[in-house]
Amino acid sequence: MGAEMSLDGLADVLRKVDQLGDRKARAENRMLRAGAKVLQAAISEDAPRSSYAKDHMADNIMITNISTRDGIKRIRVGPSRGDNSRFFYGKFLEWGTLKMAARPFVGPAAARSKKDVFNAMKAEGEKEFRR
């Protein structure tokens, strides 16, 4: 699942993106990736980290490729229910299990960083207008 957020207020930027013509798809993708990187950093800050000297889930928060569903572009950040990577246990921490209460770190990070994600996407969109 990863973090999912809806950013209201990007309407003005998106109207300008529509005017880019052939560059529109590329601009949208760059905006999504810019926001995803900010969210990835926020999730990484909140992710649990062990005291052992090893690779940590917090340093390996995934960003998916951009996909389109129902005409809406999406990018997912964080663990997903189908995650089978080395850091698969992130999904158990986020949503819990039958025997373990959830200890969410993605949702709170997404809520806390929503404004920063918005600003990163807006800044990237504005760069596209100047090109």
N, C-alpha and C. Protein backbone atom coordinates (compact mmCIF):
# COMPACT_ATOMS: atom_id res chain seq x y z
N MET A 1 0.82 -1.19 0.00
CA MET A 1 0.00 0.00 0.00
C MET A 1 0.86 1.24 0.00
N GLY A 2 1.83 1.35 0.89
CA GLY A 2 2.64 2.56 0.95
C GLY A 2 1.82 3.73 1.43
N ALA A 3 2.37 4.89 1.34
CA ALA A 3 1.66 6.10 1.76
C ALA A 3 0.82 6.60 0.61
N GLU A 4 -0.37 7.01 0.91
CA GLU A 4 -1.24 7.57 -0.11
C GLU A 4 -1.72 8.92 0.39
N MET A 5 -1.55 9.93 -0.44
CA MET A 5 -2.02 11.24 -0.04
C MET A 5 -2.60 11.97 -1.23
N SER A 6 -3.57 12.77 -0.94
CA SER A 6 -4.20 13.60 -1.97
C SER A 6 -3.81 15.03 -1.65
N LEU A 7 -3.30 15.72 -2.64
CA LEU A 7 -2.83 17.08 -2.42
C LEU A 7 -3.76 18.07 -3.09
N ASP A 8 -4.60 18.68 -2.30
CA ASP A 8 -5.47 19.73 -2.82
C ASP A 8 -4.64 21.00 -2.90
N GLY A 9 -4.97 21.85 -3.83
CA GLY A 9 -4.23 23.10 -3.95
C GLY A 9 -3.24 23.09 -5.10
N LEU A 10 -3.07 21.95 -5.73
CA LEU A 10 -2.18 21.88 -6.88
C LEU A 10 -2.92 22.21 -8.17
N ALA A 11 -4.16 22.58 -8.07
CA ALA A 11 -4.99 22.82 -9.26
C ALA A 11 -4.37 23.87 -10.18
N ASP A 12 -3.85 24.97 -9.62
CA ASP A 12 -3.24 26.02 -10.45
C ASP A 12 -2.01 25.48 -11.18
N VAL A 13 -1.19 24.75 -10.46
CA VAL A 13 0.01 24.18 -11.07
C VAL A 13 -0.37 23.19 -12.17
N LEU A 14 -1.36 22.35 -11.88
CA LEU A 14 -1.77 21.34 -12.86
C LEU A 14 -2.39 21.98 -14.11
N ARG A 15 -3.07 23.11 -13.94
CA ARG A 15 -3.61 23.83 -15.11
C ARG A 15 -2.45 24.30 -15.99
N LYS A 16 -1.39 24.78 -15.38
CA LYS A 16 -0.23 25.22 -16.14
C LYS A 16 0.45 24.02 -16.80
N VAL A 17 0.50 22.90 -16.10
CA VAL A 17 1.11 21.69 -16.66
C VAL A 17 0.36 21.27 -17.92
N ASP A 18 -0.96 21.41 -17.91
CA ASP A 18 -1.77 21.07 -19.09
C ASP A 18 -1.34 21.87 -20.32
N GLN A 19 -0.80 23.05 -20.11
CA GLN A 19 -0.40 23.92 -21.21
C GLN A 19 0.97 23.53 -21.79
N LEU A 20 1.65 22.57 -21.19
CA LEU A 20 2.98 22.19 -21.65
C LEU A 20 2.96 21.31 -22.89
N GLY A 21 1.79 20.83 -23.26
CA GLY A 21 1.67 20.02 -24.48
C GLY A 21 2.43 18.72 -24.38
N ASP A 22 3.41 18.52 -25.26
CA ASP A 22 4.17 17.28 -25.32
C ASP A 22 4.98 17.03 -24.05
N ARG A 23 5.31 18.06 -23.34
CA ARG A 23 6.12 17.92 -22.12
C ARG A 23 5.27 17.63 -20.89
N LYS A 24 3.96 17.58 -21.04
CA LYS A 24 3.06 17.42 -19.89
C LYS A 24 3.35 16.14 -19.11
N ALA A 25 3.43 15.01 -19.77
CA ALA A 25 3.64 13.73 -19.08
C ALA A 25 4.95 13.72 -18.32
N ARG A 26 5.99 14.25 -18.95
CA ARG A 26 7.30 14.29 -18.29
C ARG A 26 7.25 15.21 -17.06
N ALA A 27 6.56 16.32 -17.17
CA ALA A 27 6.45 17.27 -16.05
C ALA A 27 5.69 16.62 -14.89
N GLU A 28 4.60 15.95 -15.19
CA GLU A 28 3.84 15.27 -14.14
C GLU A 28 4.70 14.23 -13.44
N ASN A 29 5.45 13.46 -14.21
CA ASN A 29 6.31 12.43 -13.63
C ASN A 29 7.38 13.03 -12.74
N ARG A 30 7.99 14.11 -13.18
CA ARG A 30 9.02 14.76 -12.37
C ARG A 30 8.43 15.31 -11.07
N MET A 31 7.21 15.85 -11.16
CA MET A 31 6.55 16.38 -9.96
C MET A 31 6.26 15.25 -8.98
N LEU A 32 5.76 14.13 -9.48
CA LEU A 32 5.47 12.99 -8.61
C LEU A 32 6.74 12.47 -7.94
N ARG A 33 7.81 12.35 -8.70
CA ARG A 33 9.07 11.85 -8.13
C ARG A 33 9.64 12.81 -7.08
N ALA A 34 9.51 14.11 -7.33
CA ALA A 34 10.00 15.10 -6.36
C ALA A 34 9.25 14.97 -5.04
N GLY A 35 7.93 14.84 -5.11
CA GLY A 35 7.15 14.66 -3.89
C GLY A 35 7.46 13.34 -3.21
N ALA A 36 7.66 12.28 -4.01
CA ALA A 36 7.96 10.96 -3.45
C ALA A 36 9.28 10.96 -2.69
N LYS A 37 10.27 11.69 -3.19
CA LYS A 37 11.57 11.74 -2.51
C LYS A 37 11.47 12.43 -1.15
N VAL A 38 10.66 13.48 -1.09
CA VAL A 38 10.46 14.17 0.19
C VAL A 38 9.75 13.24 1.17
N LEU A 39 8.73 12.54 0.69
CA LEU A 39 8.00 11.60 1.54
C LEU A 39 8.90 10.46 1.96
N GLN A 40 9.73 9.96 1.07
CA GLN A 40 10.66 8.88 1.40
C GLN A 40 11.58 9.29 2.56
N ALA A 41 12.09 10.50 2.52
CA ALA A 41 12.96 10.99 3.59
C ALA A 41 12.21 11.08 4.92
N ALA A 42 10.97 11.54 4.88
CA ALA A 42 10.17 11.64 6.11
C ALA A 42 9.88 10.26 6.70
N ILE A 43 9.54 9.31 5.83
CA ILE A 43 9.27 7.95 6.31
C ILE A 43 10.54 7.35 6.89
N SER A 44 11.66 7.58 6.24
CA SER A 44 12.94 7.06 6.71
C SER A 44 13.27 7.57 8.12
N GLU A 45 12.95 8.83 8.39
CA GLU A 45 13.18 9.40 9.73
C GLU A 45 12.35 8.69 10.79
N ASP A 46 11.12 8.31 10.44
CA ASP A 46 10.21 7.69 11.41
C ASP A 46 10.34 6.17 11.50
N ALA A 47 10.97 5.56 10.52
CA ALA A 47 11.05 4.10 10.49
C ALA A 47 11.92 3.59 11.64
N PRO A 48 11.52 2.46 12.22
CA PRO A 48 12.33 1.88 13.29
C PRO A 48 13.72 1.49 12.77
N ARG A 49 14.68 1.58 13.65
CA ARG A 49 16.07 1.27 13.30
C ARG A 49 16.66 0.49 14.46
N SER A 50 17.27 -0.63 14.16
CA SER A 50 17.88 -1.43 15.22
C SER A 50 19.24 -0.86 15.59
N SER A 51 19.79 -1.35 16.68
CA SER A 51 21.11 -0.89 17.12
C SER A 51 22.24 -1.69 16.48
N TYR A 52 21.89 -2.71 15.70
CA TYR A 52 22.90 -3.53 15.05
C TYR A 52 23.50 -2.81 13.84
N ALA A 53 24.76 -3.05 13.59
CA ALA A 53 25.42 -2.48 12.41
C ALA A 53 25.09 -3.35 11.21
N LYS A 54 24.05 -2.98 10.51
CA LYS A 54 23.60 -3.73 9.33
C LYS A 54 22.74 -2.80 8.48
N ASP A 55 22.26 -3.32 7.36
CA ASP A 55 21.31 -2.54 6.56
C ASP A 55 20.02 -2.40 7.34
N HIS A 56 19.43 -1.22 7.27
CA HIS A 56 18.19 -0.97 7.99
C HIS A 56 17.06 -0.68 7.02
N MET A 57 15.86 -1.05 7.41
CA MET A 57 14.69 -0.75 6.61
C MET A 57 14.59 0.77 6.40
N ALA A 58 14.93 1.54 7.41
CA ALA A 58 14.83 3.00 7.33
C ALA A 58 15.67 3.56 6.19
N ASP A 59 16.73 2.86 5.81
CA ASP A 59 17.59 3.31 4.71
C ASP A 59 17.18 2.72 3.37
N ASN A 60 16.11 1.96 3.37
CA ASN A 60 15.69 1.27 2.16
C ASN A 60 14.19 1.42 1.91
N ILE A 61 13.66 2.60 2.13
CA ILE A 61 12.25 2.87 1.88
C ILE A 61 12.06 2.94 0.37
N MET A 62 11.16 2.09 -0.13
CA MET A 62 10.98 1.96 -1.57
C MET A 62 10.08 3.04 -2.17
N ILE A 63 10.42 3.44 -3.38
CA ILE A 63 9.56 4.27 -4.22
C ILE A 63 9.28 3.45 -5.46
N THR A 64 8.01 3.25 -5.79
CA THR A 64 7.67 2.45 -6.96
C THR A 64 7.79 3.28 -8.23
N ASN A 65 7.68 2.59 -9.34
CA ASN A 65 7.57 3.28 -10.62
C ASN A 65 6.21 3.96 -10.67
N ILE A 66 6.07 4.91 -11.53
CA ILE A 66 4.80 5.61 -11.70
C ILE A 66 3.85 4.72 -12.48
N SER A 67 2.63 4.62 -12.00
CA SER A 67 1.60 3.84 -12.70
C SER A 67 0.37 4.72 -12.86
N THR A 68 -0.51 4.29 -13.74
CA THR A 68 -1.76 5.02 -13.97
C THR A 68 -2.91 4.08 -13.68
N ARG A 69 -3.85 4.56 -12.88
CA ARG A 69 -5.03 3.78 -12.54
C ARG A 69 -6.24 4.70 -12.61
N ASP A 70 -7.21 4.32 -13.39
CA ASP A 70 -8.41 5.14 -13.58
C ASP A 70 -8.06 6.55 -14.06
N GLY A 71 -7.02 6.64 -14.89
CA GLY A 71 -6.62 7.92 -15.45
C GLY A 71 -5.83 8.81 -14.51
N ILE A 72 -5.47 8.29 -13.34
CA ILE A 72 -4.74 9.08 -12.35
C ILE A 72 -3.35 8.47 -12.16
N LYS A 73 -2.32 9.30 -12.29
CA LYS A 73 -0.96 8.82 -12.07
C LYS A 73 -0.71 8.64 -10.58
N ARG A 74 0.02 7.57 -10.27
CA ARG A 74 0.31 7.25 -8.86
C ARG A 74 1.76 6.82 -8.71
N ILE A 75 2.29 7.10 -7.55
CA ILE A 75 3.59 6.59 -7.17
C ILE A 75 3.45 6.20 -5.70
N ARG A 76 3.97 5.06 -5.35
CA ARG A 76 3.82 4.58 -3.97
C ARG A 76 5.16 4.64 -3.25
N VAL A 77 5.09 5.01 -1.99
CA VAL A 77 6.28 5.16 -1.18
C VAL A 77 6.07 4.36 0.10
N GLY A 78 7.04 3.52 0.44
CA GLY A 78 6.96 2.74 1.67
C GLY A 78 6.58 1.30 1.41
N PRO A 79 6.40 0.54 2.49
CA PRO A 79 6.09 -0.89 2.34
C PRO A 79 4.72 -1.11 1.73
N SER A 80 4.58 -2.23 1.05
CA SER A 80 3.29 -2.60 0.49
C SER A 80 2.89 -3.96 1.05
N ARG A 81 1.63 -4.29 0.96
CA ARG A 81 1.15 -5.56 1.49
C ARG A 81 1.80 -6.75 0.79
N GLY A 82 2.17 -6.60 -0.46
CA GLY A 82 2.78 -7.70 -1.21
C GLY A 82 4.30 -7.68 -1.18
N ASP A 83 4.89 -6.88 -0.32
CA ASP A 83 6.35 -6.72 -0.27
C ASP A 83 7.01 -8.04 0.16
N ASN A 84 7.91 -8.52 -0.67
CA ASN A 84 8.68 -9.72 -0.34
C ASN A 84 10.18 -9.42 -0.36
N SER A 85 10.55 -8.16 -0.20
CA SER A 85 11.96 -7.78 -0.21
C SER A 85 12.62 -8.17 1.12
N ARG A 86 13.89 -7.86 1.25
CA ARG A 86 14.60 -8.13 2.51
C ARG A 86 13.96 -7.39 3.69
N PHE A 87 13.26 -6.33 3.40
CA PHE A 87 12.67 -5.51 4.46
C PHE A 87 11.16 -5.66 4.50
N PHE A 88 10.70 -6.87 4.23
CA PHE A 88 9.27 -7.18 4.18
C PHE A 88 8.57 -6.92 5.50
N TYR A 89 9.29 -6.94 6.60
CA TYR A 89 8.68 -6.80 7.92
C TYR A 89 8.11 -5.40 8.16
N GLY A 90 8.44 -4.44 7.30
CA GLY A 90 7.88 -3.10 7.43
C GLY A 90 6.36 -3.11 7.36
N LYS A 91 5.81 -4.00 6.54
CA LYS A 91 4.35 -4.08 6.42
C LYS A 91 3.73 -4.57 7.72
N PHE A 92 4.42 -5.44 8.45
CA PHE A 92 3.89 -5.92 9.72
C PHE A 92 3.92 -4.82 10.77
N LEU A 93 4.96 -4.02 10.75
CA LEU A 93 5.04 -2.90 11.68
C LEU A 93 3.96 -1.87 11.39
N GLU A 94 3.76 -1.56 10.11
CA GLU A 94 2.79 -0.53 9.72
C GLU A 94 1.35 -0.94 10.02
N TRP A 95 0.98 -2.18 9.68
CA TRP A 95 -0.42 -2.59 9.81
C TRP A 95 -0.68 -3.58 10.95
N GLY A 96 0.36 -4.12 11.54
CA GLY A 96 0.19 -5.08 12.61
C GLY A 96 -0.14 -6.46 12.07
N THR A 97 -0.27 -7.41 12.99
CA THR A 97 -0.64 -8.78 12.65
C THR A 97 -1.68 -9.23 13.66
N LEU A 98 -2.09 -10.45 13.55
CA LEU A 98 -3.05 -10.98 14.53
C LEU A 98 -2.47 -10.97 15.94
N LYS A 99 -1.16 -11.11 16.05
CA LYS A 99 -0.53 -11.22 17.37
C LYS A 99 0.30 -10.00 17.75
N MET A 100 0.32 -9.00 16.89
CA MET A 100 1.14 -7.83 17.16
C MET A 100 0.38 -6.57 16.77
N ALA A 101 0.33 -5.63 17.66
CA ALA A 101 -0.34 -4.36 17.36
C ALA A 101 0.47 -3.57 16.33
N ALA A 102 -0.22 -2.79 15.54
CA ALA A 102 0.44 -1.95 14.54
C ALA A 102 1.27 -0.87 15.24
N ARG A 103 2.42 -0.59 14.65
CA ARG A 103 3.27 0.52 15.10
C ARG A 103 3.56 1.37 13.86
N PRO A 104 2.53 2.09 13.40
CA PRO A 104 2.66 2.81 12.12
C PRO A 104 3.76 3.86 12.13
N PHE A 105 4.45 3.93 11.01
CA PHE A 105 5.46 4.95 10.82
C PHE A 105 5.27 5.65 9.47
N VAL A 106 4.59 5.01 8.53
CA VAL A 106 4.36 5.61 7.21
C VAL A 106 3.26 6.66 7.29
N GLY A 107 2.12 6.29 7.85
CA GLY A 107 0.99 7.21 7.95
C GLY A 107 1.33 8.51 8.67
N PRO A 108 1.93 8.40 9.86
CA PRO A 108 2.30 9.64 10.56
C PRO A 108 3.31 10.50 9.79
N ALA A 109 4.26 9.85 9.13
CA ALA A 109 5.25 10.61 8.34
C ALA A 109 4.57 11.31 7.17
N ALA A 110 3.62 10.63 6.54
CA ALA A 110 2.89 11.22 5.41
C ALA A 110 2.08 12.43 5.88
N ALA A 111 1.42 12.29 7.02
CA ALA A 111 0.62 13.39 7.54
C ALA A 111 1.50 14.59 7.89
N ARG A 112 2.63 14.31 8.50
CA ARG A 112 3.54 15.37 8.95
C ARG A 112 4.20 16.09 7.77
N SER A 113 4.47 15.37 6.68
CA SER A 113 5.23 15.95 5.57
C SER A 113 4.38 16.40 4.39
N LYS A 114 3.07 16.38 4.54
CA LYS A 114 2.18 16.71 3.42
C LYS A 114 2.51 18.07 2.80
N LYS A 115 2.74 19.06 3.62
CA LYS A 115 3.03 20.40 3.11
C LYS A 115 4.37 20.42 2.37
N ASP A 116 5.37 19.71 2.89
CA ASP A 116 6.67 19.65 2.23
C ASP A 116 6.59 18.92 0.89
N VAL A 117 5.78 17.86 0.84
CA VAL A 117 5.57 17.13 -0.41
C VAL A 117 4.92 18.05 -1.43
N PHE A 118 3.89 18.75 -1.00
CA PHE A 118 3.20 19.71 -1.86
C PHE A 118 4.18 20.75 -2.42
N ASN A 119 5.00 21.32 -1.53
CA ASN A 119 5.95 22.36 -1.95
C ASN A 119 6.98 21.83 -2.93
N ALA A 120 7.45 20.59 -2.73
CA ALA A 120 8.42 19.99 -3.64
C ALA A 120 7.80 19.77 -5.01
N MET A 121 6.55 19.30 -5.04
CA MET A 121 5.87 19.07 -6.31
C MET A 121 5.62 20.39 -7.03
N LYS A 122 5.21 21.39 -6.28
CA LYS A 122 4.94 22.70 -6.87
C LYS A 122 6.23 23.31 -7.44
N ALA A 123 7.32 23.21 -6.67
CA ALA A 123 8.60 23.76 -7.13
C ALA A 123 9.07 23.06 -8.41
N GLU A 124 8.89 21.75 -8.47
CA GLU A 124 9.29 21.00 -9.67
C GLU A 124 8.42 21.40 -10.86
N GLY A 125 7.13 21.59 -10.61
CA GLY A 125 6.24 22.02 -11.68
C GLY A 125 6.62 23.40 -12.20
N GLU A 126 6.97 24.29 -11.31
CA GLU A 126 7.37 25.63 -11.71
C GLU A 126 8.68 25.62 -12.51
N LYS A 127 9.58 24.69 -12.19
CA LYS A 127 10.81 24.54 -12.98
C LYS A 127 10.46 24.17 -14.42
N GLU A 128 9.48 23.31 -14.56
CA GLU A 128 9.08 22.86 -15.90
C GLU A 128 8.54 24.02 -16.74
N PHE A 129 7.86 24.97 -16.11
CA PHE A 129 7.30 26.10 -16.84
C PHE A 129 8.38 27.01 -17.37
N ARG A 130 9.53 27.06 -16.66
CA ARG A 130 10.62 27.93 -17.07
C ARG A 130 11.50 27.32 -18.15
N ARG A 131 11.34 26.04 -18.43
CA ARG A 131 12.17 25.36 -19.45
C ARG A 131 11.73 25.72 -20.82
